[in-house]
């Protein structure tokens, strides 16, 4: 994945702000098309500084969201979603998770450290991982 410029990163934050009407770490981290909140901290010194650069003041809803505000999902809800997708498809993959429309695969990686770990938490071991390294 190529590195985004400062302006591209800030534009992605603006898009999230427009979509949700406000920003918080969870919204940033659960959006698959946006760098993580940590990436903004590393690039701009703090998440607050990135917010300042796009004119967002935390705690202030800048305008009405064009859709319902995305709720933070609990670990239980995320894992139940994986179980549902596994039942429906008989297997799991990034494409299946991303097509499931609840939460993208990157949210599982951020929350659980890896998809493999999230899979293990629901008792799923992809066949391609058996007997292979890496």
N, C-alpha and C. Protein backbone atom coordinates (compact mmCIF):
# COMPACT_ATOMS: atom_id res chain seq x y z
N UNK A 1 0.84 -1.18 0.00
CA UNK A 1 0.00 0.00 0.00
C UNK A 1 0.88 1.24 0.00
N UNK A 2 0.64 2.13 -0.92
CA UNK A 2 1.47 3.32 -0.99
C UNK A 2 1.12 4.30 0.11
N UNK A 3 2.10 5.06 0.53
CA UNK A 3 1.90 6.00 1.61
C UNK A 3 1.13 7.21 1.11
N UNK A 4 0.17 7.66 1.89
CA UNK A 4 -0.63 8.82 1.54
C UNK A 4 0.11 10.10 1.92
N UNK A 5 -0.11 11.17 1.17
CA UNK A 5 0.44 12.47 1.53
C UNK A 5 -0.33 13.01 2.73
N UNK A 6 0.22 14.05 3.36
CA UNK A 6 -0.48 14.68 4.48
C UNK A 6 -1.88 15.12 4.05
N UNK A 7 -1.97 15.76 2.89
CA UNK A 7 -3.26 16.26 2.42
C UNK A 7 -4.24 15.12 2.14
N UNK A 8 -3.76 14.01 1.61
CA UNK A 8 -4.64 12.86 1.36
C UNK A 8 -5.17 12.29 2.67
N UNK A 9 -4.30 12.22 3.66
CA UNK A 9 -4.75 11.73 4.97
C UNK A 9 -5.80 12.66 5.57
N UNK A 10 -5.55 13.97 5.47
CA UNK A 10 -6.51 14.93 6.01
C UNK A 10 -7.83 14.88 5.24
N UNK A 11 -7.77 14.65 3.95
CA UNK A 11 -8.99 14.55 3.15
C UNK A 11 -9.82 13.35 3.60
N UNK A 12 -9.16 12.25 3.92
CA UNK A 12 -9.88 11.07 4.41
C UNK A 12 -10.58 11.39 5.74
N UNK A 13 -9.94 12.17 6.61
CA UNK A 13 -10.58 12.58 7.85
C UNK A 13 -11.79 13.47 7.56
N UNK A 14 -11.64 14.39 6.61
CA UNK A 14 -12.76 15.26 6.24
C UNK A 14 -13.95 14.44 5.74
N UNK A 15 -13.66 13.40 4.97
CA UNK A 15 -14.73 12.54 4.46
C UNK A 15 -15.46 11.84 5.60
N UNK A 16 -14.70 11.32 6.57
CA UNK A 16 -15.33 10.69 7.73
C UNK A 16 -16.15 11.70 8.52
N UNK A 17 -15.63 12.89 8.69
CA UNK A 17 -16.34 13.94 9.41
C UNK A 17 -17.66 14.25 8.69
N UNK A 18 -17.61 14.35 7.39
CA UNK A 18 -18.81 14.62 6.61
C UNK A 18 -19.82 13.48 6.75
N UNK A 19 -19.33 12.27 6.75
CA UNK A 19 -20.20 11.09 6.83
C UNK A 19 -20.88 10.96 8.19
N UNK A 20 -20.12 11.20 9.27
CA UNK A 20 -20.62 10.96 10.62
C UNK A 20 -21.07 12.22 11.35
N UNK A 21 -20.58 13.37 10.94
CA UNK A 21 -20.93 14.60 11.64
C UNK A 21 -20.00 14.92 12.79
N UNK A 22 -19.14 13.98 13.15
CA UNK A 22 -18.13 14.17 14.19
C UNK A 22 -17.08 13.09 14.00
N UNK A 23 -16.01 13.19 14.77
CA UNK A 23 -14.93 12.19 14.70
C UNK A 23 -14.57 11.69 16.08
N UNK A 24 -14.13 10.47 16.11
CA UNK A 24 -13.53 9.89 17.31
C UNK A 24 -12.66 8.74 16.85
N UNK A 25 -11.77 8.32 17.72
CA UNK A 25 -10.80 7.27 17.39
C UNK A 25 -11.49 6.02 16.83
N UNK A 26 -12.60 5.60 17.42
CA UNK A 26 -13.30 4.40 16.98
C UNK A 26 -13.78 4.52 15.54
N UNK A 27 -14.34 5.65 15.20
CA UNK A 27 -14.83 5.86 13.83
C UNK A 27 -13.67 5.75 12.85
N UNK A 28 -12.55 6.35 13.19
CA UNK A 28 -11.37 6.31 12.32
C UNK A 28 -10.85 4.89 12.19
N UNK A 29 -10.69 4.20 13.32
CA UNK A 29 -10.10 2.87 13.31
C UNK A 29 -10.99 1.81 12.65
N UNK A 30 -12.29 2.01 12.65
CA UNK A 30 -13.18 1.01 12.07
C UNK A 30 -13.49 1.26 10.60
N UNK A 31 -12.96 2.35 10.04
CA UNK A 31 -13.17 2.62 8.62
C UNK A 31 -12.00 2.07 7.82
N UNK A 32 -12.29 1.12 6.94
CA UNK A 32 -11.24 0.43 6.18
C UNK A 32 -10.52 1.31 5.17
N UNK A 33 -11.12 2.43 4.78
CA UNK A 33 -10.49 3.27 3.75
C UNK A 33 -9.65 4.39 4.35
N UNK A 34 -9.59 4.46 5.67
CA UNK A 34 -8.89 5.54 6.35
C UNK A 34 -7.73 4.99 7.16
N UNK A 35 -6.59 5.69 7.19
CA UNK A 35 -5.49 5.24 8.06
C UNK A 35 -5.96 5.22 9.52
N UNK A 36 -5.28 4.46 10.34
CA UNK A 36 -5.66 4.34 11.75
C UNK A 36 -5.42 5.65 12.50
N UNK A 37 -6.08 5.78 13.65
CA UNK A 37 -5.89 6.96 14.50
C UNK A 37 -4.42 7.09 14.89
N UNK A 38 -3.75 5.96 15.10
CA UNK A 38 -2.32 5.99 15.43
C UNK A 38 -1.48 6.56 14.30
N UNK A 39 -1.88 6.27 13.06
CA UNK A 39 -1.15 6.82 11.91
C UNK A 39 -1.25 8.34 11.89
N UNK A 40 -2.42 8.88 12.26
CA UNK A 40 -2.58 10.34 12.33
C UNK A 40 -1.72 10.92 13.44
N UNK A 41 -1.68 10.21 14.58
CA UNK A 41 -0.84 10.66 15.70
C UNK A 41 0.62 10.68 15.28
N UNK A 42 1.06 9.62 14.61
CA UNK A 42 2.46 9.54 14.18
C UNK A 42 2.79 10.62 13.15
N UNK A 43 1.88 10.87 12.22
CA UNK A 43 2.15 11.84 11.15
C UNK A 43 2.06 13.28 11.63
N UNK A 44 1.04 13.59 12.46
CA UNK A 44 0.76 14.99 12.81
C UNK A 44 1.09 15.35 14.25
N UNK A 45 1.61 14.38 15.01
CA UNK A 45 2.00 14.65 16.40
C UNK A 45 0.91 14.28 17.39
N UNK A 46 -0.33 14.39 16.98
CA UNK A 46 -1.47 13.98 17.81
C UNK A 46 -2.71 13.94 16.94
N UNK A 47 -3.70 13.21 17.41
CA UNK A 47 -4.97 13.18 16.71
C UNK A 47 -5.62 14.56 16.79
N UNK A 48 -5.46 15.22 17.94
CA UNK A 48 -6.02 16.56 18.12
C UNK A 48 -5.45 17.54 17.08
N UNK A 49 -4.17 17.41 16.76
CA UNK A 49 -3.56 18.29 15.75
C UNK A 49 -4.15 18.02 14.37
N UNK A 50 -4.37 16.76 14.04
CA UNK A 50 -4.99 16.42 12.76
C UNK A 50 -6.40 17.00 12.70
N UNK A 51 -7.14 16.88 13.81
CA UNK A 51 -8.48 17.47 13.88
C UNK A 51 -8.42 18.97 13.64
N UNK A 52 -7.46 19.62 14.27
CA UNK A 52 -7.31 21.08 14.14
C UNK A 52 -7.06 21.46 12.68
N UNK A 53 -6.25 20.67 12.00
CA UNK A 53 -5.91 20.97 10.61
C UNK A 53 -7.10 20.88 9.66
N UNK A 54 -8.13 20.11 10.05
CA UNK A 54 -9.32 20.04 9.20
C UNK A 54 -10.46 20.88 9.78
N UNK A 55 -10.19 21.59 10.88
CA UNK A 55 -11.20 22.48 11.46
C UNK A 55 -12.23 21.79 12.33
N UNK A 56 -11.92 20.60 12.82
CA UNK A 56 -12.85 19.87 13.68
C UNK A 56 -12.51 20.13 15.14
N UNK A 57 -13.54 20.47 15.92
CA UNK A 57 -13.38 20.66 17.36
C UNK A 57 -14.06 19.48 18.06
N UNK A 58 -13.29 18.62 18.74
CA UNK A 58 -13.90 17.48 19.43
C UNK A 58 -15.00 17.92 20.39
N UNK A 59 -16.03 17.10 20.46
CA UNK A 59 -17.14 17.42 21.35
C UNK A 59 -18.22 18.26 20.67
N UNK A 60 -17.97 18.67 19.43
CA UNK A 60 -18.92 19.49 18.70
C UNK A 60 -19.37 18.74 17.46
N UNK A 61 -20.67 18.51 17.35
CA UNK A 61 -21.21 17.90 16.13
C UNK A 61 -21.28 19.02 15.10
N UNK A 62 -20.49 18.92 14.05
CA UNK A 62 -20.37 20.03 13.11
C UNK A 62 -21.58 20.19 12.21
N UNK A 63 -22.29 19.12 11.94
CA UNK A 63 -23.51 19.17 11.14
C UNK A 63 -24.21 17.83 11.25
N UNK A 64 -25.42 17.75 10.81
CA UNK A 64 -26.14 16.49 10.87
C UNK A 64 -25.54 15.49 9.93
N UNK A 65 -25.39 14.28 10.41
CA UNK A 65 -24.85 13.20 9.62
C UNK A 65 -25.84 12.81 8.53
N UNK A 66 -25.34 12.48 7.34
CA UNK A 66 -26.25 12.04 6.29
C UNK A 66 -26.77 10.63 6.50
N UNK A 67 -26.27 9.93 7.49
CA UNK A 67 -26.79 8.61 7.85
C UNK A 67 -26.68 8.45 9.36
N UNK A 68 -27.27 7.40 9.88
CA UNK A 68 -27.18 7.16 11.32
C UNK A 68 -25.73 7.05 11.73
N UNK A 69 -25.42 7.57 12.90
CA UNK A 69 -24.05 7.50 13.39
C UNK A 69 -23.69 6.05 13.67
N UNK A 70 -22.56 5.64 13.14
CA UNK A 70 -22.10 4.26 13.30
C UNK A 70 -21.84 3.98 14.77
N UNK A 71 -22.43 2.92 15.27
CA UNK A 71 -22.23 2.55 16.66
C UNK A 71 -20.95 1.74 16.81
N UNK A 72 -20.33 1.90 17.94
CA UNK A 72 -19.16 1.08 18.23
C UNK A 72 -19.65 -0.33 18.52
N UNK A 73 -19.01 -1.30 17.92
CA UNK A 73 -19.39 -2.69 18.11
C UNK A 73 -18.57 -3.29 19.24
N UNK A 74 -19.22 -4.07 20.08
CA UNK A 74 -18.52 -4.78 21.15
C UNK A 74 -17.76 -5.96 20.54
N UNK A 75 -16.81 -6.49 21.30
CA UNK A 75 -16.10 -7.69 20.84
C UNK A 75 -17.09 -8.81 20.57
N UNK A 76 -18.07 -8.97 21.44
CA UNK A 76 -19.08 -10.00 21.27
C UNK A 76 -19.80 -9.84 19.93
N UNK A 77 -20.24 -8.62 19.63
CA UNK A 77 -20.96 -8.36 18.37
C UNK A 77 -20.08 -8.66 17.16
N UNK A 78 -18.81 -8.26 17.24
CA UNK A 78 -17.90 -8.52 16.13
C UNK A 78 -17.73 -10.02 15.91
N UNK A 79 -17.52 -10.76 17.00
CA UNK A 79 -17.32 -12.19 16.88
C UNK A 79 -18.60 -12.91 16.44
N UNK A 80 -19.75 -12.44 16.88
CA UNK A 80 -21.02 -13.01 16.43
C UNK A 80 -21.20 -12.77 14.93
N UNK A 81 -20.76 -11.61 14.46
CA UNK A 81 -20.83 -11.32 13.02
C UNK A 81 -19.95 -12.31 12.24
N UNK A 82 -18.74 -12.59 12.76
CA UNK A 82 -17.88 -13.57 12.09
C UNK A 82 -18.53 -14.95 12.06
N UNK A 83 -19.15 -15.33 13.18
CA UNK A 83 -19.83 -16.63 13.22
C UNK A 83 -20.96 -16.70 12.19
N UNK A 84 -21.70 -15.61 12.07
CA UNK A 84 -22.80 -15.56 11.09
C UNK A 84 -22.26 -15.70 9.68
N UNK A 85 -21.18 -14.97 9.38
CA UNK A 85 -20.59 -15.06 8.04
C UNK A 85 -20.06 -16.46 7.76
N UNK A 86 -19.47 -17.09 8.78
CA UNK A 86 -18.97 -18.46 8.63
C UNK A 86 -20.12 -19.42 8.33
N UNK A 87 -21.22 -19.27 9.05
CA UNK A 87 -22.39 -20.13 8.80
C UNK A 87 -22.91 -19.92 7.37
N UNK A 88 -22.97 -18.67 6.93
CA UNK A 88 -23.51 -18.35 5.61
C UNK A 88 -22.62 -18.81 4.46
N UNK A 89 -21.30 -18.72 4.65
CA UNK A 89 -20.37 -18.97 3.54
C UNK A 89 -19.57 -20.26 3.70
N UNK A 90 -19.56 -20.84 4.87
CA UNK A 90 -18.80 -22.07 5.10
C UNK A 90 -17.31 -21.83 5.26
N UNK A 91 -16.88 -20.62 5.14
CA UNK A 91 -15.48 -20.23 5.32
C UNK A 91 -15.43 -18.73 5.54
N UNK A 92 -14.25 -18.22 5.90
CA UNK A 92 -14.07 -16.78 6.08
C UNK A 92 -12.86 -16.30 5.29
N UNK A 93 -12.93 -15.08 4.83
CA UNK A 93 -11.82 -14.41 4.15
C UNK A 93 -12.05 -12.91 4.27
N UNK A 94 -11.03 -12.15 3.92
CA UNK A 94 -11.19 -10.69 3.91
C UNK A 94 -12.35 -10.28 3.01
N UNK A 95 -12.43 -10.86 1.83
CA UNK A 95 -13.49 -10.51 0.89
C UNK A 95 -14.87 -10.81 1.46
N UNK A 96 -15.02 -11.96 2.10
CA UNK A 96 -16.31 -12.32 2.69
C UNK A 96 -16.66 -11.34 3.81
N UNK A 97 -15.70 -11.03 4.66
CA UNK A 97 -15.95 -10.09 5.76
C UNK A 97 -16.28 -8.71 5.22
N UNK A 98 -15.50 -8.23 4.26
CA UNK A 98 -15.75 -6.90 3.71
C UNK A 98 -17.07 -6.83 2.96
N UNK A 99 -17.52 -7.94 2.41
CA UNK A 99 -18.81 -7.98 1.73
C UNK A 99 -19.97 -8.14 2.67
N UNK A 100 -19.68 -8.42 3.94
CA UNK A 100 -20.73 -8.64 4.93
C UNK A 100 -21.43 -7.38 5.39
N UNK A 101 -20.90 -6.23 5.06
CA UNK A 101 -21.50 -4.91 5.28
C UNK A 101 -21.69 -4.48 6.72
N UNK A 102 -21.31 -5.30 7.71
CA UNK A 102 -21.44 -4.85 9.09
C UNK A 102 -20.20 -4.08 9.50
N UNK A 103 -19.05 -4.72 9.44
CA UNK A 103 -17.77 -4.10 9.79
C UNK A 103 -16.73 -4.71 8.88
N UNK A 104 -15.79 -3.90 8.40
CA UNK A 104 -14.75 -4.39 7.51
C UNK A 104 -13.68 -5.19 8.23
N UNK A 105 -12.90 -5.91 7.46
CA UNK A 105 -11.86 -6.78 8.01
C UNK A 105 -10.81 -6.02 8.82
N UNK A 106 -10.51 -4.79 8.43
CA UNK A 106 -9.50 -4.03 9.17
C UNK A 106 -9.92 -3.76 10.61
N UNK A 107 -11.22 -3.66 10.85
CA UNK A 107 -11.69 -3.45 12.23
C UNK A 107 -11.34 -4.65 13.10
N UNK A 108 -11.42 -5.87 12.52
CA UNK A 108 -11.06 -7.07 13.27
C UNK A 108 -9.57 -7.10 13.55
N UNK A 109 -8.77 -6.70 12.57
CA UNK A 109 -7.31 -6.67 12.76
C UNK A 109 -6.96 -5.67 13.86
N UNK A 110 -7.58 -4.50 13.82
CA UNK A 110 -7.29 -3.49 14.84
C UNK A 110 -7.74 -3.94 16.22
N UNK A 111 -8.90 -4.57 16.30
CA UNK A 111 -9.45 -4.96 17.58
C UNK A 111 -8.76 -6.18 18.17
N UNK A 112 -8.49 -7.20 17.31
CA UNK A 112 -7.99 -8.48 17.82
C UNK A 112 -6.54 -8.76 17.46
N UNK A 113 -5.90 -7.87 16.71
CA UNK A 113 -4.50 -8.05 16.37
C UNK A 113 -4.26 -8.69 15.02
N UNK A 114 -5.16 -9.58 14.61
CA UNK A 114 -5.07 -10.21 13.29
C UNK A 114 -6.39 -10.92 13.02
N UNK A 115 -6.64 -11.19 11.75
CA UNK A 115 -7.82 -11.98 11.42
C UNK A 115 -7.67 -13.39 11.96
N UNK A 116 -6.46 -13.94 11.90
CA UNK A 116 -6.22 -15.29 12.40
C UNK A 116 -6.61 -15.40 13.87
N UNK A 117 -6.27 -14.38 14.67
CA UNK A 117 -6.62 -14.39 16.09
C UNK A 117 -8.13 -14.29 16.26
N UNK A 118 -8.79 -13.42 15.49
CA UNK A 118 -10.25 -13.31 15.56
C UNK A 118 -10.89 -14.64 15.18
N UNK A 119 -10.35 -15.27 14.13
CA UNK A 119 -10.86 -16.58 13.71
C UNK A 119 -10.73 -17.59 14.86
N UNK A 120 -9.57 -17.60 15.52
CA UNK A 120 -9.34 -18.55 16.61
C UNK A 120 -10.33 -18.34 17.75
N UNK A 121 -10.71 -17.10 17.99
CA UNK A 121 -11.64 -16.80 19.07
C UNK A 121 -13.03 -17.40 18.82
N UNK A 122 -13.36 -17.65 17.55
CA UNK A 122 -14.65 -18.29 17.25
C UNK A 122 -14.46 -19.77 16.89
N UNK A 123 -13.22 -20.27 17.03
CA UNK A 123 -12.95 -21.68 16.78
C UNK A 123 -12.80 -22.03 15.31
N UNK A 124 -12.45 -21.05 14.50
CA UNK A 124 -12.28 -21.29 13.06
C UNK A 124 -10.80 -21.26 12.70
N UNK A 125 -10.37 -22.28 11.95
CA UNK A 125 -8.99 -22.33 11.46
C UNK A 125 -9.06 -22.57 9.95
N UNK A 126 -8.70 -21.57 9.16
CA UNK A 126 -8.73 -21.75 7.70
C UNK A 126 -7.86 -22.92 7.27
N UNK A 127 -8.35 -23.71 6.33
CA UNK A 127 -7.63 -24.89 5.85
C UNK A 127 -6.26 -24.54 5.30
N UNK A 128 -6.13 -23.38 4.66
CA UNK A 128 -4.85 -23.01 4.06
C UNK A 128 -3.75 -22.76 5.09
N UNK A 129 -4.13 -22.55 6.34
CA UNK A 129 -3.12 -22.31 7.38
C UNK A 129 -2.56 -23.60 7.95
N UNK A 130 -3.29 -24.71 7.81
CA UNK A 130 -2.81 -25.98 8.35
C UNK A 130 -1.59 -26.46 7.59
N UNK A 131 -0.52 -26.73 8.33
CA UNK A 131 0.67 -27.28 7.72
C UNK A 131 1.51 -26.29 6.95
N UNK A 132 1.12 -25.00 6.97
CA UNK A 132 1.90 -24.00 6.25
C UNK A 132 2.42 -22.96 7.24
N UNK A 133 3.53 -22.40 6.92
CA UNK A 133 4.09 -21.32 7.74
C UNK A 133 3.81 -20.02 7.04
N UNK A 134 3.71 -18.95 7.86
CA UNK A 134 3.59 -17.62 7.31
C UNK A 134 2.25 -17.22 7.09
